[in-house]
Amino acid sequence: MFEFAHDATLADVDPSEAFQSRELELKESIAKKQNMIKEYGGANTERGITLFKELKEERDLLKQEPKQTQSSYYDEAEMGPAI
């Protein structure tokens, strides 16, 4: 139980609340970063490299997002009601 609570805290997730998808937020952020990378001249600048790393992280999070909707962080039937 401790590990579950710890992981939820690190992920900034309240396990007592219903899952909220970040898919739209991530897609918007990815589009903005793609445009910013183009404006900064690609990954040839320090800022472009940083943006490219952030873009990769967000794409990875987006790939994981559908899995999050299939399994919620909190299953009342398994863990009981929140106290």
C-alpha atoms as a PDB file:
ATOM      1  CA  MET A   1       0.000   0.000   0.000  1.00  0.00           C
ATOM      2  CA  PHE A   2       2.866   2.370   0.802  1.00  0.00           C
ATOM      3  CA  GLU A   3       4.386   1.903  -2.655  1.00  0.00           C
ATOM      4  CA  PHE A   4       1.017   2.673  -4.283  1.00  0.00           C
ATOM      5  CA  ALA A   5       0.625   5.889  -2.269  1.00  0.00           C
ATOM      6  CA  HIS A   6       4.226   6.865  -2.930  1.00  0.00           C
ATOM      7  CA  ASP A   7       3.905   6.314  -6.697  1.00  0.00           C
ATOM      8  CA  ALA A   8       0.664   8.322  -6.755  1.00  0.00           C
ATOM      9  CA  THR A   9       2.351  11.193  -4.926  1.00  0.00           C
ATOM     10  CA  LEU A  10       5.289  11.221  -7.336  1.00  0.00           C
ATOM     11  CA  ALA A  11       2.902  11.209 -10.297  1.00  0.00           C
ATOM     12  CA  ASP A  12       0.927  14.096  -8.743  1.00  0.00           C
ATOM     13  CA  VAL A  13      -2.192  11.918  -8.753  1.00  0.00           C
ATOM     14  CA  ASP A  14      -4.879  11.726  -6.090  1.00  0.00           C
ATOM     15  CA  PRO A  15      -5.872   8.039  -6.089  1.00  0.00           C
ATOM     16  CA  SER A  16      -9.211   8.853  -4.477  1.00  0.00           C
ATOM     17  CA  GLU A  17     -10.316  10.864  -7.529  1.00  0.00           C
ATOM     18  CA  ALA A  18     -11.485   9.542 -10.877  1.00  0.00           C
ATOM     19  CA  PHE A  19      -8.887   9.292 -13.640  1.00  0.00           C
ATOM     20  CA  GLN A  20      -8.575  12.378 -15.828  1.00  0.00           C
ATOM     21  CA  SER A  21      -6.948  11.940 -19.209  1.00  0.00           C
ATOM     22  CA  ARG A  22      -4.140  14.302 -20.177  1.00  0.00           C
ATOM     23  CA  GLU A  23      -4.335  13.332 -23.851  1.00  0.00           C
ATOM     24  CA  LEU A  24      -5.634  16.694 -25.117  1.00  0.00           C
ATOM     25  CA  GLU A  25      -3.201  18.660 -22.935  1.00  0.00           C
ATOM     26  CA  LEU A  26      -0.256  16.568 -24.154  1.00  0.00           C
ATOM     27  CA  LYS A  27      -1.267  16.867 -27.826  1.00  0.00           C
ATOM     28  CA  GLU A  28      -1.487  20.664 -27.530  1.00  0.00           C
ATOM     29  CA  SER A  29       1.874  20.861 -25.777  1.00  0.00           C
ATOM     30  CA  ILE A  30       3.498  18.596 -28.371  1.00  0.00           C
ATOM     31  CA  ALA A  31       2.210  20.799 -31.210  1.00  0.00           C
ATOM     32  CA  LYS A  32       3.556  23.932 -29.498  1.00  0.00           C
ATOM     33  CA  LYS A  33       6.952  22.363 -28.907  1.00  0.00           C
ATOM     34  CA  GLN A  34       7.166  21.190 -32.525  1.00  0.00           C
ATOM     35  CA  ASN A  35       6.549  24.771 -33.691  1.00  0.00           C
ATOM     36  CA  MET A  36       9.036  26.172 -31.202  1.00  0.00           C
ATOM     37  CA  ILE A  37      11.720  23.734 -32.352  1.00  0.00           C
ATOM     38  CA  LYS A  38      11.203  24.931 -35.932  1.00  0.00           C
ATOM     39  CA  GLU A  39      11.442  28.563 -34.793  1.00  0.00           C
ATOM     40  CA  TYR A  40      14.679  27.881 -32.913  1.00  0.00           C
ATOM     41  CA  GLY A  41      16.262  26.243 -35.956  1.00  0.00           C
ATOM     42  CA  GLY A  42      15.762  22.613 -35.038  1.00  0.00           C
ATOM     43  CA  ALA A  43      17.896  20.722 -32.570  1.00  0.00           C
ATOM     44  CA  ASN A  44      21.013  22.686 -33.545  1.00  0.00           C
ATOM     45  CA  THR A  45      20.704  25.151 -30.674  1.00  0.00           C
ATOM     46  CA  GLU A  46      20.832  24.613 -26.921  1.00  0.00           C
ATOM     47  CA  ARG A  47      17.174  25.643 -26.564  1.00  0.00           C
ATOM     48  CA  GLY A  48      16.216  23.420 -29.505  1.00  0.00           C
ATOM     49  CA  ILE A  49      17.955  20.435 -27.884  1.00  0.00           C
ATOM     50  CA  THR A  50      16.111  21.061 -24.605  1.00  0.00           C
ATOM     51  CA  LEU A  51      12.780  21.364 -26.406  1.00  0.00           C
ATOM     52  CA  PHE A  52      13.474  18.195 -28.371  1.00  0.00           C
ATOM     53  CA  LYS A  53      14.085  16.257 -25.132  1.00  0.00           C
ATOM     54  CA  GLU A  54      10.855  17.641 -23.644  1.00  0.00           C
ATOM     55  CA  LEU A  55       9.011  16.732 -26.843  1.00  0.00           C
ATOM     56  CA  LYS A  56      10.273  13.143 -26.628  1.00  0.00           C
ATOM     57  CA  GLU A  57       9.161  12.878 -22.987  1.00  0.00           C
ATOM     58  CA  GLU A  58       5.689  14.179 -23.838  1.00  0.00           C
ATOM     59  CA  ARG A  59       5.353  11.800 -26.782  1.00  0.00           C
ATOM     60  CA  ASP A  60       6.260   8.921 -24.466  1.00  0.00           C
ATOM     61  CA  LEU A  61       3.648  10.098 -21.949  1.00  0.00           C
ATOM     62  CA  LEU A  62       1.062  10.324 -24.729  1.00  0.00           C
ATOM     63  CA  LYS A  63       1.805   6.726 -25.761  1.00  0.00           C
ATOM     64  CA  GLN A  64       1.167   5.629 -22.169  1.00  0.00           C
ATOM     65  CA  GLU A  65      -2.058   7.625 -21.824  1.00  0.00           C
ATOM     66  CA  PRO A  66      -4.455   5.047 -23.366  1.00  0.00           C
ATOM     67  CA  LYS A  67      -3.127   2.467 -20.907  1.00  0.00           C
ATOM     68  CA  GLN A  68      -3.997   4.790 -18.036  1.00  0.00           C
ATOM     69  CA  THR A  69      -7.647   4.934 -19.089  1.00  0.00           C
ATOM     70  CA  GLN A  70      -7.869   1.135 -19.116  1.00  0.00           C
ATOM     71  CA  SER A  71      -6.575   0.755 -15.567  1.00  0.00           C
ATOM     72  CA  SER A  72      -7.472   3.410 -13.052  1.00  0.00           C
ATOM     73  CA  TYR A  73      -5.253   4.454 -10.172  1.00  0.00           C
ATOM     74  CA  TYR A  74      -8.012   3.615  -7.715  1.00  0.00           C
ATOM     75  CA  ASP A  75     -10.227   0.582  -7.811  1.00  0.00           C
ATOM     76  CA  GLU A  76     -12.774   0.859  -4.994  1.00  0.00           C
ATOM     77  CA  ALA A  77     -13.833  -2.761  -5.328  1.00  0.00           C
ATOM     78  CA  GLU A  78     -10.264  -3.857  -4.679  1.00  0.00           C
ATOM     79  CA  MET A  79      -9.121  -1.293  -2.113  1.00  0.00           C
ATOM     80  CA  GLY A  80     -12.307  -0.112  -0.437  1.00  0.00           C
ATOM     81  CA  PRO A  81     -13.624   3.446  -0.090  1.00  0.00           C
ATOM     82  CA  ALA A  82     -11.289   6.390   0.418  1.00  0.00           C
ATOM     83  CA  ILE A  83     -10.960   7.544   3.985  1.00  0.00           C
END
